[in-house]
Structures are given as C-alpha cells and as structure tokens.
Amino acid sequence: MYDWALHQGVVDGRQAQLITDEDGRKVDPGQIYDAITEIVDGPGADQLIVYFAGHGVNLNRSEHWLLSDAPRQTGAAVNVAGSVELARYCGIGHVAMISDSCRVAPAGIQAQNVRGQDVFPSDGGGSRAHPVDQFFACRLGRAAGEIQDAREAATGFTAVYTAAMLDALYGFRDEVFDHRTDPVDGARFVVPHLLQAYLEREIPARLRARGLRQVFNQEPDALLMRHDYWLARVVPTAAEPLRGPETPRPPRRAVTLRDVAGRLVSAAAHQSEAELRQEIWKAEQRPDIGTDSLAARVRRTAAPFGPDHDESGCGIKIRGAQLVECFAYGVQCETLGKDGDLVRVHDPDGRLPASVILRFASGVGTVVPVFTGFLTAITFDGPELVDVAFEPSANHRRWAAFVGLADRVRVVRAVTGAVAQYDRLDLDSTTAAHLLDRARYGDTVDLGVALRVAYAHHDRQEPLGEIQRLAALQRGQLGACCSTSHWSGASWSAGRLGPSPASCRSFR
C-alpha cells in the first residue's frame, strides 16, 4: 500500500509515511498520532488514507488495532471508533480508514483489558464534520484470512483483502471506476462505493478459486459516507491496461449476501408481511452465498416460544441453553422450569428496570436488562447468543396492542437482528422510519428494532438528533434509556463467566 501511495505521486516522508514493525522494530500509537498530526498541522490536505495490516479485536462493537506491545500493554492499540470520531473534525475533507485485520472478540482476560488510544488530534481546525469512510477486510465477529502464495515462497503469506484492493487501486479492475474522466490526460477515478462492491464479489471468488471458501468465511465490510471524493487516480497507458490480471470481469454482477440482506430489510420496511416471507423463502434458495443460513436465523428468531406472561409481570425466558444461575442487584430472581429456561423477577421495592447476570451450563454468560411489564426472550444457536427480544407480558396493558400485531413485529425484529449479525444494517432515513413504524404497537416501538436503527444512524455518522429522539422514546416507554455496551443491538454479546456471580465484575 505504501508503494501504491508513492505511485500516486504522494511525497515520500512528508505526505506518505510508513510505520512498520519489520526488522524487530516496535510500533506504538504515539508514532501513528505524530504522523497524522504532522499532516493535519501541515500546509493542508484534502484527503488522508490510513491503512493498517495486523492483528485486530472488537471490544463492545469498537475495532481495536493491536500494535507491537499489545495485549500485554493495554494502551498499545488503536481505538478505531474514537479515532474516526476525531477524524471527522480534524479539518481534512475526506479520511479513509482501511483495516486488513480480524474483527473477532478478544480471547482471554489479557486481550479483554486492551483499551487502545485515539490517533487523531482532538483540536483539529475543522468546525464542520467531514466524511470518514471505513473499509474492513471482514465482517464483525469474523477473521481476515491470509493464504500461502506459491509465487512468493520466501515471504510465505499474502493478505487476500489487501491484494484484491491493490488490484483495484492500481486500476487493474475496470468496474471500480466511476463515470468521470480527466479531459487532459484521460485519467479515471476509483471511488469508494464501487471499490467496496468489487471487494464483496472478489474476496469470496479468490477464496473459492483456491478451494479455501470453507476455511475462510471472509466477507469484506465497509461504512461509507455520501460524498464525491475518489481514492485513486489512474492514467491508462499501454503498460497498465485497465483490466484485471487474475480474474476476468464477470458478464453481469453476481448477487452477494449483502444484496439479499438489503432486499430483506427493504421488504421488512416497505412491503406486506406476505411479501417479506416470500423474500425469506428466496433467501433460503441461495446456499452458495450463505443466505440460506441468514434466512434460517430469521425464521428461528421470529418464531415465538415459551409462556406469554409471568405472574410478576416481569421475567426472562430462554431458548437453546440451560440456565445455571442468575443474579441481579435490587430485584429478586427466581429460576423456574425443569430445564432452567425461565426466570421470574420480583420487584418488591420498585427498582426496575434492572440488569440481570445469567450463567449457563455451557459456561457462557451474559447480562440482559429487564423491564416492568416485559418478558426478556433470549435465543441461543449452539454456543452463540443470537437474539434478545422484549415483548409485553400478557397480563400487562401493552399486551392488547401487541397481540394482534405480534407476527409482524417479530418478523421485522428477526430480519433486522439477523441482517445486523450476518452483515450490517445500512439504512436511509426513509427505510429507518418505516422499520420503526412496522415495529410499533400502540404507543410502543419494539426495543430491539429501535436499538438497531439507532446503531445504523450512528454507523452512518448522522447527526445525533435522531439517536437522541430514539433515546427519549425508550425513556418514555421503559423508564430508562438502554445502552448496548453490555448487549449489542447488532451482535448480542456473550462471554465466559466463572462459577459464581462474584466473578462477573470484570465481565462487560
């Protein structure tokens, strides 16, 4: 990537800086901060691209790039989410963050303690937010793969994502160019949204070509803003034809998992329940791109289970796992059911809402909220916690408004939850508003859908007004504003707990 930047005409050492751990050198966040600050404080830059290849983890839905001394030194990492927020106001017109690293949960206590640092200055000169694009080698919770390159036996391995991206940035793939052409030299421009569409097709194709699709289930991801900036300027020459060196351009665009996920979300927002179920059926017919498992997840989480009420008006019901013990501060929890699949929550002192710590027979544990008049419904798929839903108890006043619309609300909730886990909710304002409307019963909007819509607004770096409106809606409905730092609206979190609730203090 550094060589490509120089090929673009960027000045070595000033506009392009390489920070590497080759030859035993160490990389720390301060070096990256200094390099970025030098550019921000310099004579001015219209665009900044930050590329990272290495180890990464995801903590509370926040990417962290692990540097040389991580995880032993908890600060030897880059907090990507915090850096992106600062980058929006650093004064540079467009920033692109490219991450060729894993996005899995941290393994072990040591990695869970990583905190990371922001690498953009917080005193940038920009008073208006500017677009920041984020490219990821894989989806949330997935690993980025390296494959052995027979042509480079000496170096051993090559990153699939970076190799495919370089083919595009050098101009070897015609489908990444937009309609613009420089009238002086005929240069064409690689733009972010076409680059991402190419990567979504190309990465799985390269893995299939090497027989590694079952080994690396790698699907690239991106968070892209609306703007007119380009990433690469390519002047066609006889020596550099604008066509792919490895794979011929397909005669028509291949359907991807993201395409099908987008259709499901669109149907959930804009079409009838019957038309939505038809889209789910269509998704089941495409095992080649993985949408059959997406559709199966939708059907499983949309199906109701367990009792529709609790005598106390508040409880927890569990599908797919056996509860061992539970603990909450301020309320009383009583385990019911022969399989440990029900929890009754007593609130003699009016302390609800509350958070409940749950530990299961598999050793997995999680924290979920409970609310007056609601049942918290938890679904496991094997060892994975895949859904947390909140439905009115049948002995609460909200039940009358909910029961007639329950099937619709459940399938909309299931679609948004499954798509958020397999891909990412990319919602425009109209679709977001329609999803909230479809998930409404009486004066209440389904909490799971509302949280996922709020995350979608955040991911698009939209103004805080809509997120604050959703927070106010939650407070009005539930008496509290839910934060998903413990249980993510996009990817429900679970972790290993010790044998007793006392050991849960460090669990987040």
Foldseek 3Di string as FASTA:
>chain_A
DLVLCVVQVQDPPQRGDDDDCPPNRWDALVVLLVNQVSALPDPAAQEEEAEDEDEWEAALNWIKAATDPPPQPQARIAGVVVQQVQVQAQRHQEYEYEYQYFYAHDDDPSNNSRDYDHSYDNPHPGPGGHYYKYKYFAFHNFGFDWDADPVCVVVGTDGLQVVLLVCVQQQAAPQQWDPDADPPQRKTFGAPVSSLLSQQPRSCVVCVVVVNCVVGVGGMAMQGADDDDTDHIYRDDPVRHRHHPPDGDDPDRDDAPVNLLVVLLCCLQPHDPVVSVVSLVVLCVCVVRPSVVLSVQLVVQLDDDDAQADPQLKWEFEAPFAWDDKDWPQWDWDQDDPRRGIIDIHHPPPPPFTKMWTATPVQKIAIDTMFGQWYWYWYDDHPFTQDTWIDGRCPDPQNVQCVVLSSSLSSLLSSLQSCLARGADQDDPSSLVSSQVSQDGDLDGTPLSLQSSLVNCVSNVHDCPVVVVSQVSCCVVGVHRDDCSGQHSRGGDMDGADPDPVRCPSHD
